[in-house]
Amino acid sequence: MRALLRCPRRRRAYGTSLGEAGGVEFFAFPTVEALADASEAALRGLGLGYRAKFVIGTARAVRDNGGVGWLLGLRERPSAEVTTSLLSLLGVGPKVADCVALFSLDQHAAIPVDTHVWAIACRDMDPSLKDAKSLTPAVYARVTKLFS
């Protein structure tokens, strides 16, 4: 969804006008409902490519679960439930789920494992992780546990 933030065309097509300043019109980030009702072809035409189906599928799932209220309600849920809920969304994997949990849902124990976190874990916590050829779910879990 980060790509939606950077592209004024997407905000213009699916967001509401916030007004004008200095001769530039500004638009709000699209609502869940607007994205859920979008067509895949239209989002592809705005540059989302293969991600269009994930944006629509996730927006529809969020809408069907109760919208933004459902998402905000996850802040009060146990960490495991938050992760499971986020992983149920189309196109959301462990790293994205952990990023959303940590940065948006007050889940301070969530550890988004990327190549940098993995490198720190290899260097400072468990050198045997260097033997892993990729960040598989099992390796991801090992790294997360090291930071817990």
C-alpha atoms as a PDB file:
ATOM      1  CA  MET A   1       0.000   0.000   0.000  1.00  0.00           C
ATOM      2  CA  ARG A   2       3.048   2.269   0.332  1.00  0.00           C
ATOM      3  CA  ALA A   3       2.948   2.805  -3.439  1.00  0.00           C
ATOM      4  CA  LEU A   4      -0.536   4.314  -3.048  1.00  0.00           C
ATOM      5  CA  LEU A   5       0.848   7.001  -0.758  1.00  0.00           C
ATOM      6  CA  ARG A   6       3.481   8.162  -3.207  1.00  0.00           C
ATOM      7  CA  CYS A   7       1.270   8.436  -6.258  1.00  0.00           C
ATOM      8  CA  PRO A   8      -0.964  11.500  -6.570  1.00  0.00           C
ATOM      9  CA  ARG A   9      -2.816   9.818  -9.465  1.00  0.00           C
ATOM     10  CA  ARG A  10      -4.047   7.088  -7.117  1.00  0.00           C
ATOM     11  CA  ARG A  11      -5.059   9.566  -4.443  1.00  0.00           C
ATOM     12  CA  ARG A  12      -6.792  11.715  -7.072  1.00  0.00           C
ATOM     13  CA  ALA A  13      -8.671   8.707  -8.492  1.00  0.00           C
ATOM     14  CA  TYR A  14      -9.786   7.167  -5.160  1.00  0.00           C
ATOM     15  CA  GLY A  15      -9.292   9.780  -2.439  1.00  0.00           C
ATOM     16  CA  THR A  16     -11.389  12.815  -1.616  1.00  0.00           C
ATOM     17  CA  SER A  17     -10.194  16.336  -2.228  1.00  0.00           C
ATOM     18  CA  LEU A  18      -8.655  18.041   0.792  1.00  0.00           C
ATOM     19  CA  GLY A  19      -8.568  21.403  -0.925  1.00  0.00           C
ATOM     20  CA  GLU A  20      -5.979  23.501  -2.617  1.00  0.00           C
ATOM     21  CA  ALA A  21      -2.864  25.244  -1.365  1.00  0.00           C
ATOM     22  CA  GLY A  22      -0.425  27.198  -3.457  1.00  0.00           C
ATOM     23  CA  GLY A  23      -2.191  26.189  -6.641  1.00  0.00           C
ATOM     24  CA  VAL A  24      -1.884  22.462  -5.861  1.00  0.00           C
ATOM     25  CA  GLU A  25      -4.911  20.296  -5.073  1.00  0.00           C
ATOM     26  CA  PHE A  26      -4.389  17.720  -2.338  1.00  0.00           C
ATOM     27  CA  PHE A  27      -6.237  14.432  -1.932  1.00  0.00           C
ATOM     28  CA  ALA A  28      -6.725  12.149   1.059  1.00  0.00           C
ATOM     29  CA  PHE A  29      -5.463   8.589   1.103  1.00  0.00           C
ATOM     30  CA  PRO A  30      -8.221   6.362  -0.353  1.00  0.00           C
ATOM     31  CA  THR A  31     -10.630   4.772   2.105  1.00  0.00           C
ATOM     32  CA  VAL A  32     -10.932   1.017   2.504  1.00  0.00           C
ATOM     33  CA  GLU A  33     -14.351   1.228   0.844  1.00  0.00           C
ATOM     34  CA  ALA A  34     -13.008   3.109  -2.181  1.00  0.00           C
ATOM     35  CA  LEU A  35     -10.226   0.571  -2.691  1.00  0.00           C
ATOM     36  CA  ALA A  36     -12.582  -2.377  -2.145  1.00  0.00           C
ATOM     37  CA  ASP A  37     -14.833  -1.037  -4.905  1.00  0.00           C
ATOM     38  CA  ALA A  38     -11.976  -0.347  -7.337  1.00  0.00           C
ATOM     39  CA  SER A  39     -11.416  -2.550 -10.345  1.00  0.00           C
ATOM     40  CA  GLU A  40      -8.194  -4.432 -10.796  1.00  0.00           C
ATOM     41  CA  ALA A  41      -7.820  -3.019 -14.299  1.00  0.00           C
ATOM     42  CA  ALA A  42      -8.174   0.547 -13.034  1.00  0.00           C
ATOM     43  CA  LEU A  43      -5.552   0.038 -10.301  1.00  0.00           C
ATOM     44  CA  ARG A  44      -3.229  -1.635 -12.777  1.00  0.00           C
ATOM     45  CA  GLY A  45      -3.706   1.370 -15.039  1.00  0.00           C
ATOM     46  CA  LEU A  46      -2.565   3.582 -12.183  1.00  0.00           C
ATOM     47  CA  GLY A  47       0.689   1.656 -11.905  1.00  0.00           C
ATOM     48  CA  LEU A  48       0.013  -0.965  -9.241  1.00  0.00           C
ATOM     49  CA  GLY A  49       0.651  -3.862 -11.622  1.00  0.00           C
ATOM     50  CA  TYR A  50       0.324  -7.324 -10.078  1.00  0.00           C
ATOM     51  CA  ARG A  51      -0.243  -5.720  -6.648  1.00  0.00           C
ATOM     52  CA  ALA A  52      -3.677  -4.447  -7.717  1.00  0.00           C
ATOM     53  CA  LYS A  53      -5.414  -7.724  -6.849  1.00  0.00           C
ATOM     54  CA  PHE A  54      -3.772  -7.736  -3.405  1.00  0.00           C
ATOM     55  CA  VAL A  55      -4.865  -4.166  -2.667  1.00  0.00           C
ATOM     56  CA  ILE A  56      -8.453  -4.942  -3.667  1.00  0.00           C
ATOM     57  CA  GLY A  57      -8.530  -8.285  -1.863  1.00  0.00           C
ATOM     58  CA  THR A  58      -7.102  -6.832   1.331  1.00  0.00           C
ATOM     59  CA  ALA A  59      -9.420  -3.812   1.204  1.00  0.00           C
ATOM     60  CA  ARG A  60     -12.438  -6.103   0.774  1.00  0.00           C
ATOM     61  CA  ALA A  61     -11.337  -8.344   3.655  1.00  0.00           C
ATOM     62  CA  VAL A  62     -10.811  -5.346   5.941  1.00  0.00           C
ATOM     63  CA  ARG A  63     -14.196  -3.922   4.910  1.00  0.00           C
ATOM     64  CA  ASP A  64     -15.943  -7.267   5.442  1.00  0.00           C
ATOM     65  CA  ASN A  65     -14.340  -7.681   8.887  1.00  0.00           C
ATOM     66  CA  GLY A  66     -15.597  -4.294  10.056  1.00  0.00           C
ATOM     67  CA  GLY A  67     -13.404  -1.756   8.309  1.00  0.00           C
ATOM     68  CA  VAL A  68     -10.980   0.553  10.018  1.00  0.00           C
ATOM     69  CA  GLY A  69     -12.701  -0.181  13.340  1.00  0.00           C
ATOM     70  CA  TRP A  70     -11.703  -3.839  13.008  1.00  0.00           C
ATOM     71  CA  LEU A  71      -8.108  -2.891  12.313  1.00  0.00           C
ATOM     72  CA  LEU A  72      -7.965  -0.462  15.229  1.00  0.00           C
ATOM     73  CA  GLY A  73      -9.593  -3.088  17.454  1.00  0.00           C
ATOM     74  CA  LEU A  74      -6.588  -5.328  16.845  1.00  0.00           C
ATOM     75  CA  ARG A  75      -4.582  -2.964  19.070  1.00  0.00           C
ATOM     76  CA  GLU A  76      -6.382  -4.468  22.057  1.00  0.00           C
ATOM     77  CA  ARG A  77      -5.897  -8.090  21.005  1.00  0.00           C
ATOM     78  CA  PRO A  78      -3.103 -10.506  21.973  1.00  0.00           C
ATOM     79  CA  SER A  79      -0.068 -10.457  19.684  1.00  0.00           C
ATOM     80  CA  ALA A  80      -0.692 -13.944  18.256  1.00  0.00           C
ATOM     81  CA  GLU A  81      -4.259 -12.989  17.291  1.00  0.00           C
ATOM     82  CA  VAL A  82      -3.058  -9.773  15.649  1.00  0.00           C
ATOM     83  CA  THR A  83      -0.521 -11.672  13.567  1.00  0.00           C
ATOM     84  CA  THR A  84      -3.020 -14.352  12.568  1.00  0.00           C
ATOM     85  CA  SER A  85      -5.581 -11.723  11.583  1.00  0.00           C
ATOM     86  CA  LEU A  86      -3.102  -9.782   9.472  1.00  0.00           C
ATOM     87  CA  LEU A  87      -1.728 -12.920   7.817  1.00  0.00           C
ATOM     88  CA  SER A  88      -5.267 -13.787   6.708  1.00  0.00           C
ATOM     89  CA  LEU A  89      -5.254 -10.753   4.406  1.00  0.00           C
ATOM     90  CA  LEU A  90      -4.460 -11.383   0.741  1.00  0.00           C
ATOM     91  CA  GLY A  91      -0.792 -10.779  -0.003  1.00  0.00           C
ATOM     92  CA  VAL A  92       0.245 -10.124   3.609  1.00  0.00           C
ATOM     93  CA  GLY A  93       3.214 -12.193   4.743  1.00  0.00           C
ATOM     94  CA  PRO A  94       5.041 -12.357   8.070  1.00  0.00           C
ATOM     95  CA  LYS A  95       7.228  -9.280   7.576  1.00  0.00           C
ATOM     96  CA  VAL A  96       4.365  -7.021   6.481  1.00  0.00           C
ATOM     97  CA  ALA A  97       2.153  -8.372   9.281  1.00  0.00           C
ATOM     98  CA  ASP A  98       4.894  -7.625  11.811  1.00  0.00           C
ATOM     99  CA  CYS A  99       5.462  -4.133  10.363  1.00  0.00           C
ATOM    100  CA  VAL A 100       1.764  -3.295  10.597  1.00  0.00           C
ATOM    101  CA  ALA A 101       1.529  -4.795  14.084  1.00  0.00           C
ATOM    102  CA  LEU A 102       4.556  -2.856  15.333  1.00  0.00           C
ATOM    103  CA  PHE A 103       4.098   0.494  13.620  1.00  0.00           C
ATOM    104  CA  SER A 104       0.300   0.777  13.493  1.00  0.00           C
ATOM    105  CA  LEU A 105      -1.225  -1.545  16.070  1.00  0.00           C
ATOM    106  CA  ASP A 106       0.886  -0.937  19.188  1.00  0.00           C
ATOM    107  CA  GLN A 107       2.309  -4.464  19.190  1.00  0.00           C
ATOM    108  CA  HIS A 108       5.723  -3.511  20.525  1.00  0.00           C
ATOM    109  CA  ALA A 109       6.956  -7.099  20.687  1.00  0.00           C
ATOM    110  CA  ALA A 110       6.529  -7.620  16.926  1.00  0.00           C
ATOM    111  CA  ILE A 111       9.850  -8.056  15.115  1.00  0.00           C
ATOM    112  CA  PRO A 112       9.718  -7.405  11.357  1.00  0.00           C
ATOM    113  CA  VAL A 113      12.561  -9.554  10.084  1.00  0.00           C
ATOM    114  CA  ASP A 114      14.230  -8.203   6.980  1.00  0.00           C
ATOM    115  CA  THR A 115      17.742  -8.732   5.659  1.00  0.00           C
ATOM    116  CA  HIS A 116      19.136  -6.121   8.064  1.00  0.00           C
ATOM    117  CA  VAL A 117      17.566  -7.700  11.158  1.00  0.00           C
ATOM    118  CA  TRP A 118      18.680 -11.118   9.923  1.00  0.00           C
ATOM    119  CA  ALA A 119      22.254  -9.810   9.484  1.00  0.00           C
ATOM    120  CA  ILE A 120      22.281  -8.438  13.043  1.00  0.00           C
ATOM    121  CA  ALA A 121      20.971 -11.760  14.359  1.00  0.00           C
ATOM    122  CA  CYS A 122      23.691 -13.635  12.444  1.00  0.00           C
ATOM    123  CA  ARG A 123      26.444 -11.290  13.569  1.00  0.00           C
ATOM    124  CA  ASP A 124      25.475 -10.752  17.209  1.00  0.00           C
ATOM    125  CA  MET A 125      23.162 -13.534  18.328  1.00  0.00           C
ATOM    126  CA  ASP A 126      23.404 -16.780  16.385  1.00  0.00           C
ATOM    127  CA  PRO A 127      26.199 -17.150  13.816  1.00  0.00           C
ATOM    128  CA  SER A 128      24.723 -20.495  12.698  1.00  0.00           C
ATOM    129  CA  LEU A 129      21.949 -18.523  10.972  1.00  0.00           C
ATOM    130  CA  LYS A 130      24.520 -17.663   8.282  1.00  0.00           C
ATOM    131  CA  ASP A 131      24.128 -21.242   7.044  1.00  0.00           C
ATOM    132  CA  ALA A 132      20.525 -20.551   6.028  1.00  0.00           C
ATOM    133  CA  LYS A 133      20.289 -19.885   2.322  1.00  0.00           C
ATOM    134  CA  SER A 134      17.113 -17.795   2.606  1.00  0.00           C
ATOM    135  CA  LEU A 135      14.681 -16.360   5.108  1.00  0.00           C
ATOM    136  CA  THR A 136      12.317 -19.329   5.301  1.00  0.00           C
ATOM    137  CA  PRO A 137       9.417 -19.351   7.794  1.00  0.00           C
ATOM    138  CA  ALA A 138      11.521 -21.470  10.169  1.00  0.00           C
ATOM    139  CA  VAL A 139      14.482 -19.057   9.976  1.00  0.00           C
ATOM    140  CA  TYR A 140      12.118 -16.110  10.373  1.00  0.00           C
ATOM    141  CA  ALA A 141      10.739 -17.692  13.563  1.00  0.00           C
ATOM    142  CA  ARG A 142      14.264 -18.346  14.892  1.00  0.00           C
ATOM    143  CA  VAL A 143      15.276 -14.722  14.335  1.00  0.00           C
ATOM    144  CA  THR A 144      12.075 -13.416  15.925  1.00  0.00           C
ATOM    145  CA  LYS A 145      12.641 -15.605  18.968  1.00  0.00           C
ATOM    146  CA  LEU A 146      16.181 -14.245  19.368  1.00  0.00           C
ATOM    147  CA  PHE A 147      14.849 -10.702  19.668  1.00  0.00           C
ATOM    148  CA  SER A 148      12.031 -11.630  22.065  1.00  0.00           C
END
